[in-house]
Amino acid sequence: MMRTLTAFFADDFGFVISAELVLVLTIAVLSMIVGLHEVAVAVNTELNDISNAIGVLNQSFSFCGFTAGVLNVSKTKSFFAGSAFVDTSDDCDCNTSCDLVCATPIPENGVHL
């Protein structure tokens, strides 16, 4: 029994391998955490760029209407009204630090309808 315990305490080959494995795995996990954090920052930055690109799109539109009447009579046969919409810039358009606030919109081209 004492011979077995002495042999057990004298055998330290597995300890060196385990310590090296723990050290290597610790360094690998810490490197992976730092790398994944940088990936998350890069993805958030790209999504912010996409939102800024969508924010600067001018979505103004207009279409004209028409009126059709009966010949030589002052009676309207059909009428279709035109419409227009002017996109106004918001606080969050092209702003990297966007806070949701309620503010009055400002026309992009400075013309009010």
N, C-alpha and C. Protein backbone atom coordinates (compact mmCIF):
# COMPACT_ATOMS: atom_id res chain seq x y z
N MET A 1 0.82 -1.18 0.00
CA MET A 1 0.00 0.00 0.00
C MET A 1 0.87 1.25 0.00
N MET A 2 1.91 1.29 0.82
CA MET A 2 2.80 2.45 0.85
C MET A 2 3.55 2.59 -0.46
N ARG A 3 3.87 1.49 -1.08
CA ARG A 3 4.57 1.53 -2.36
C ARG A 3 3.68 2.18 -3.43
N THR A 4 2.39 1.87 -3.40
CA THR A 4 1.44 2.44 -4.35
C THR A 4 1.27 3.94 -4.13
N LEU A 5 1.17 4.37 -2.86
CA LEU A 5 1.03 5.80 -2.57
C LEU A 5 2.29 6.57 -2.94
N THR A 6 3.46 5.97 -2.69
CA THR A 6 4.71 6.63 -3.05
C THR A 6 4.82 6.76 -4.56
N ALA A 7 4.43 5.73 -5.28
CA ALA A 7 4.45 5.78 -6.75
C ALA A 7 3.44 6.81 -7.27
N PHE A 8 2.30 6.89 -6.60
CA PHE A 8 1.27 7.85 -7.01
C PHE A 8 1.74 9.29 -6.82
N PHE A 9 2.37 9.59 -5.68
CA PHE A 9 2.86 10.94 -5.42
C PHE A 9 4.07 11.29 -6.27
N ALA A 10 4.86 10.30 -6.66
CA ALA A 10 6.05 10.55 -7.47
C ALA A 10 5.69 10.78 -8.94
N ASP A 11 4.52 10.30 -9.35
CA ASP A 11 4.11 10.43 -10.76
C ASP A 11 3.46 11.80 -10.96
N ASP A 12 4.15 12.75 -11.58
CA ASP A 12 3.60 14.08 -11.83
C ASP A 12 3.58 14.42 -13.31
N PHE A 13 3.66 13.45 -14.19
CA PHE A 13 3.66 13.72 -15.63
C PHE A 13 2.29 14.28 -16.10
N GLY A 14 1.21 13.79 -15.56
CA GLY A 14 -0.12 14.26 -15.96
C GLY A 14 -0.40 15.67 -15.51
N PHE A 15 0.19 16.07 -14.40
CA PHE A 15 -0.03 17.42 -13.87
C PHE A 15 0.52 18.49 -14.79
N VAL A 16 1.69 18.24 -15.38
CA VAL A 16 2.29 19.23 -16.27
C VAL A 16 1.44 19.41 -17.52
N ILE A 17 0.94 18.32 -18.06
CA ILE A 17 0.10 18.39 -19.26
C ILE A 17 -1.21 19.10 -18.95
N SER A 18 -1.81 18.81 -17.80
CA SER A 18 -3.07 19.45 -17.43
C SER A 18 -2.88 20.95 -17.22
N ALA A 19 -1.80 21.35 -16.58
CA ALA A 19 -1.55 22.77 -16.35
C ALA A 19 -1.34 23.51 -17.66
N GLU A 20 -0.62 22.90 -18.58
CA GLU A 20 -0.43 23.54 -19.88
C GLU A 20 -1.75 23.64 -20.63
N LEU A 21 -2.57 22.60 -20.54
CA LEU A 21 -3.86 22.60 -21.22
C LEU A 21 -4.77 23.69 -20.65
N VAL A 22 -4.79 23.84 -19.33
CA VAL A 22 -5.61 24.88 -18.71
C VAL A 22 -5.12 26.26 -19.13
N LEU A 23 -3.82 26.46 -19.18
CA LEU A 23 -3.27 27.75 -19.59
C LEU A 23 -3.61 28.07 -21.04
N VAL A 24 -3.44 27.10 -21.92
CA VAL A 24 -3.74 27.32 -23.34
C VAL A 24 -5.23 27.58 -23.55
N LEU A 25 -6.09 26.82 -22.88
CA LEU A 25 -7.53 27.02 -23.04
C LEU A 25 -7.98 28.37 -22.45
N THR A 26 -7.37 28.80 -21.37
CA THR A 26 -7.71 30.10 -20.80
C THR A 26 -7.36 31.23 -21.76
N ILE A 27 -6.19 31.15 -22.35
CA ILE A 27 -5.78 32.17 -23.33
C ILE A 27 -6.69 32.14 -24.55
N ALA A 28 -7.07 30.94 -24.99
CA ALA A 28 -7.95 30.82 -26.16
C ALA A 28 -9.33 31.40 -25.88
N VAL A 29 -9.89 31.13 -24.71
CA VAL A 29 -11.22 31.65 -24.37
C VAL A 29 -11.19 33.17 -24.24
N LEU A 30 -10.17 33.70 -23.60
CA LEU A 30 -10.08 35.17 -23.48
C LEU A 30 -9.92 35.83 -24.84
N SER A 31 -9.13 35.22 -25.71
CA SER A 31 -8.97 35.77 -27.07
C SER A 31 -10.29 35.70 -27.83
N MET A 32 -11.03 34.63 -27.66
CA MET A 32 -12.31 34.49 -28.35
C MET A 32 -13.31 35.53 -27.85
N ILE A 33 -13.31 35.81 -26.56
CA ILE A 33 -14.22 36.82 -26.01
C ILE A 33 -13.90 38.20 -26.58
N VAL A 34 -12.63 38.54 -26.64
CA VAL A 34 -12.22 39.84 -27.20
C VAL A 34 -12.58 39.90 -28.68
N GLY A 35 -12.34 38.83 -29.41
CA GLY A 35 -12.65 38.80 -30.84
C GLY A 35 -14.14 38.93 -31.11
N LEU A 36 -14.97 38.22 -30.32
CA LEU A 36 -16.41 38.31 -30.51
C LEU A 36 -16.94 39.69 -30.14
N HIS A 37 -16.34 40.34 -29.18
CA HIS A 37 -16.74 41.71 -28.85
C HIS A 37 -16.45 42.64 -30.02
N GLU A 38 -15.31 42.48 -30.65
CA GLU A 38 -14.99 43.32 -31.80
C GLU A 38 -15.93 43.04 -32.98
N VAL A 39 -16.33 41.78 -33.15
CA VAL A 39 -17.30 41.45 -34.20
C VAL A 39 -18.64 42.11 -33.90
N ALA A 40 -19.06 42.10 -32.65
CA ALA A 40 -20.33 42.73 -32.28
C ALA A 40 -20.29 44.23 -32.53
N VAL A 41 -19.17 44.87 -32.22
CA VAL A 41 -19.04 46.32 -32.46
C VAL A 41 -19.08 46.60 -33.96
N ALA A 42 -18.40 45.77 -34.76
CA ALA A 42 -18.40 45.97 -36.21
C ALA A 42 -19.79 45.78 -36.81
N VAL A 43 -20.54 44.79 -36.33
CA VAL A 43 -21.90 44.56 -36.84
C VAL A 43 -22.80 45.73 -36.47
N ASN A 44 -22.71 46.23 -35.24
CA ASN A 44 -23.52 47.39 -34.84
C ASN A 44 -23.17 48.63 -35.65
N THR A 45 -21.89 48.82 -35.95
CA THR A 45 -21.49 49.97 -36.75
C THR A 45 -22.06 49.87 -38.17
N GLU A 46 -22.00 48.69 -38.76
CA GLU A 46 -22.55 48.52 -40.12
C GLU A 46 -24.06 48.70 -40.13
N LEU A 47 -24.75 48.19 -39.10
CA LEU A 47 -26.20 48.40 -39.04
C LEU A 47 -26.55 49.87 -38.87
N ASN A 48 -25.73 50.60 -38.15
CA ASN A 48 -25.93 52.04 -38.01
C ASN A 48 -25.72 52.74 -39.35
N ASP A 49 -24.72 52.30 -40.12
CA ASP A 49 -24.51 52.87 -41.46
C ASP A 49 -25.71 52.60 -42.36
N ILE A 50 -26.28 51.41 -42.27
CA ILE A 50 -27.45 51.08 -43.10
C ILE A 50 -28.64 51.95 -42.69
N SER A 51 -28.83 52.14 -41.37
CA SER A 51 -29.95 52.98 -40.94
C SER A 51 -29.76 54.43 -41.37
N ASN A 52 -28.52 54.91 -41.36
CA ASN A 52 -28.26 56.27 -41.85
C ASN A 52 -28.53 56.38 -43.34
N ALA A 53 -28.17 55.35 -44.10
CA ALA A 53 -28.44 55.38 -45.55
C ALA A 53 -29.93 55.38 -45.83
N ILE A 54 -30.70 54.64 -45.06
CA ILE A 54 -32.15 54.64 -45.25
C ILE A 54 -32.74 55.97 -44.81
N GLY A 55 -32.16 56.57 -43.77
CA GLY A 55 -32.68 57.84 -43.26
C GLY A 55 -32.53 58.99 -44.23
N VAL A 56 -31.51 58.98 -45.10
CA VAL A 56 -31.32 60.10 -46.01
C VAL A 56 -32.06 59.92 -47.33
N LEU A 57 -32.74 58.80 -47.51
CA LEU A 57 -33.54 58.64 -48.73
C LEU A 57 -34.67 59.67 -48.74
N ASN A 58 -34.81 60.37 -49.84
CA ASN A 58 -35.89 61.34 -49.98
C ASN A 58 -37.10 60.60 -50.50
N GLN A 59 -38.14 60.53 -49.69
CA GLN A 59 -39.33 59.76 -50.05
C GLN A 59 -40.47 60.66 -50.50
N SER A 60 -40.14 61.85 -50.96
CA SER A 60 -41.17 62.76 -51.46
C SER A 60 -41.75 62.23 -52.77
N PHE A 61 -43.02 62.49 -52.97
CA PHE A 61 -43.65 62.08 -54.22
C PHE A 61 -44.80 63.03 -54.53
N SER A 62 -45.22 63.03 -55.79
CA SER A 62 -46.41 63.77 -56.18
C SER A 62 -46.96 63.16 -57.46
N PHE A 63 -48.25 63.29 -57.64
CA PHE A 63 -48.88 62.87 -58.90
C PHE A 63 -50.02 63.82 -59.19
N CYS A 64 -50.22 64.07 -60.47
CA CYS A 64 -51.22 65.06 -60.87
C CYS A 64 -52.57 64.38 -61.08
N GLY A 65 -53.60 65.14 -60.91
CA GLY A 65 -54.94 64.63 -61.11
C GLY A 65 -55.48 64.98 -62.50
N PHE A 66 -56.68 64.58 -62.77
CA PHE A 66 -57.29 64.92 -64.07
C PHE A 66 -58.79 65.10 -63.87
N THR A 67 -59.38 65.81 -64.84
CA THR A 67 -60.82 66.03 -64.85
C THR A 67 -61.32 65.76 -66.26
N ALA A 68 -62.38 64.99 -66.34
CA ALA A 68 -63.00 64.71 -67.64
C ALA A 68 -64.44 65.22 -67.59
N GLY A 69 -64.86 65.89 -68.64
CA GLY A 69 -66.22 66.43 -68.68
C GLY A 69 -66.92 66.04 -69.98
N VAL A 70 -68.18 66.27 -70.01
CA VAL A 70 -68.98 66.01 -71.21
C VAL A 70 -68.77 67.18 -72.17
N LEU A 71 -68.62 66.90 -73.46
CA LEU A 71 -68.37 67.93 -74.46
C LEU A 71 -69.55 68.91 -74.55
N ASN A 72 -69.23 70.18 -74.63
CA ASN A 72 -70.18 71.28 -74.79
C ASN A 72 -71.18 71.39 -73.64
N VAL A 73 -70.92 70.71 -72.54
CA VAL A 73 -71.80 70.82 -71.36
C VAL A 73 -70.89 71.04 -70.16
N SER A 74 -71.31 71.89 -69.25
CA SER A 74 -70.46 72.17 -68.10
C SER A 74 -70.72 71.17 -66.97
N LYS A 75 -70.69 69.91 -67.31
CA LYS A 75 -70.93 68.87 -66.34
C LYS A 75 -69.66 68.01 -66.24
N THR A 76 -69.25 67.68 -65.03
CA THR A 76 -68.04 66.87 -64.83
C THR A 76 -68.41 65.40 -64.88
N LYS A 77 -67.69 64.69 -65.74
CA LYS A 77 -67.90 63.25 -65.84
C LYS A 77 -67.09 62.50 -64.80
N SER A 78 -65.82 62.87 -64.67
CA SER A 78 -64.97 62.22 -63.66
C SER A 78 -63.92 63.21 -63.19
N PHE A 79 -63.48 62.99 -61.99
CA PHE A 79 -62.50 63.88 -61.39
C PHE A 79 -61.57 63.05 -60.52
N PHE A 80 -60.29 63.31 -60.63
CA PHE A 80 -59.31 62.61 -59.79
C PHE A 80 -58.33 63.66 -59.30
N ALA A 81 -58.26 63.83 -57.98
CA ALA A 81 -57.40 64.87 -57.40
C ALA A 81 -55.96 64.40 -57.34
N GLY A 82 -55.06 65.32 -57.56
CA GLY A 82 -53.64 65.02 -57.41
C GLY A 82 -53.23 65.08 -55.94
N SER A 83 -52.03 64.66 -55.67
CA SER A 83 -51.56 64.67 -54.29
C SER A 83 -50.06 64.88 -54.28
N ALA A 84 -49.54 65.29 -53.14
CA ALA A 84 -48.10 65.48 -52.99
C ALA A 84 -47.73 65.22 -51.54
N PHE A 85 -46.54 64.73 -51.36
CA PHE A 85 -45.99 64.50 -50.02
C PHE A 85 -44.53 64.92 -50.04
N VAL A 86 -44.15 65.75 -49.09
CA VAL A 86 -42.77 66.20 -49.00
C VAL A 86 -42.15 65.57 -47.77
N ASP A 87 -41.11 64.81 -48.00
CA ASP A 87 -40.40 64.16 -46.89
C ASP A 87 -39.60 65.20 -46.13
N THR A 88 -39.72 65.19 -44.81
CA THR A 88 -38.97 66.12 -43.98
C THR A 88 -37.89 65.35 -43.23
N SER A 89 -36.79 66.00 -42.99
CA SER A 89 -35.71 65.34 -42.26
C SER A 89 -36.03 65.29 -40.78
N ASP A 90 -35.73 64.17 -40.20
CA ASP A 90 -35.97 63.97 -38.78
C ASP A 90 -34.67 64.16 -38.01
N ASP A 91 -34.79 64.13 -36.70
CA ASP A 91 -33.60 64.28 -35.87
C ASP A 91 -32.62 63.13 -36.06
N CYS A 92 -33.13 61.94 -36.37
CA CYS A 92 -32.28 60.76 -36.45
C CYS A 92 -31.66 60.55 -37.83
N ASP A 93 -31.98 61.36 -38.82
CA ASP A 93 -31.40 61.18 -40.15
C ASP A 93 -29.91 61.53 -40.10
N CYS A 94 -29.08 60.59 -40.48
CA CYS A 94 -27.62 60.77 -40.53
C CYS A 94 -27.06 61.22 -39.19
N ASN A 95 -27.50 60.60 -38.14
CA ASN A 95 -27.01 60.94 -36.81
C ASN A 95 -26.57 59.65 -36.14
N THR A 96 -25.30 59.55 -35.80
CA THR A 96 -24.81 58.31 -35.22
C THR A 96 -25.22 58.14 -33.77
N SER A 97 -25.47 59.21 -33.06
CA SER A 97 -25.96 59.10 -31.68
C SER A 97 -27.42 59.51 -31.66
N CYS A 98 -28.28 58.63 -32.09
CA CYS A 98 -29.70 58.94 -32.27
C CYS A 98 -30.47 58.69 -30.98
N ASP A 99 -31.11 59.72 -30.49
CA ASP A 99 -32.02 59.60 -29.36
C ASP A 99 -33.43 59.87 -29.89
N LEU A 100 -34.38 59.06 -29.45
CA LEU A 100 -35.74 59.26 -29.89
C LEU A 100 -36.35 60.42 -29.13
N VAL A 101 -36.62 61.50 -29.85
CA VAL A 101 -37.22 62.69 -29.25
C VAL A 101 -38.35 63.16 -30.14
N CYS A 102 -39.28 63.86 -29.57
CA CYS A 102 -40.37 64.45 -30.35
C CYS A 102 -40.00 65.89 -30.67
N ALA A 103 -39.85 66.18 -31.94
CA ALA A 103 -39.52 67.54 -32.36
C ALA A 103 -40.29 67.83 -33.64
N THR A 104 -40.44 69.11 -33.96
CA THR A 104 -41.14 69.48 -35.18
C THR A 104 -40.25 69.17 -36.38
N PRO A 105 -40.82 68.59 -37.43
CA PRO A 105 -40.02 68.26 -38.61
C PRO A 105 -39.61 69.51 -39.38
N ILE A 106 -38.50 69.43 -40.05
CA ILE A 106 -37.97 70.52 -40.85
C ILE A 106 -37.92 70.02 -42.31
N PRO A 107 -38.48 70.76 -43.26
CA PRO A 107 -38.45 70.30 -44.65
C PRO A 107 -37.01 70.18 -45.15
N GLU A 108 -36.75 69.14 -45.97
CA GLU A 108 -35.42 68.93 -46.49
C GLU A 108 -35.03 70.01 -47.51
N ASN A 109 -35.99 70.43 -48.33
CA ASN A 109 -35.68 71.42 -49.37
C ASN A 109 -36.08 72.84 -48.95
N GLY A 110 -36.61 73.00 -47.75
CA GLY A 110 -36.97 74.33 -47.25
C GLY A 110 -38.27 74.87 -47.78
N VAL A 111 -39.03 74.08 -48.57
CA VAL A 111 -40.27 74.56 -49.17
C VAL A 111 -41.44 73.93 -48.42
N HIS A 112 -42.35 74.73 -47.94
CA HIS A 112 -43.56 74.22 -47.28
C HIS A 112 -44.69 74.19 -48.29
N LEU A 113 -45.48 73.15 -48.22
CA LEU A 113 -46.64 73.06 -49.11
C LEU A 113 -47.85 73.68 -48.48
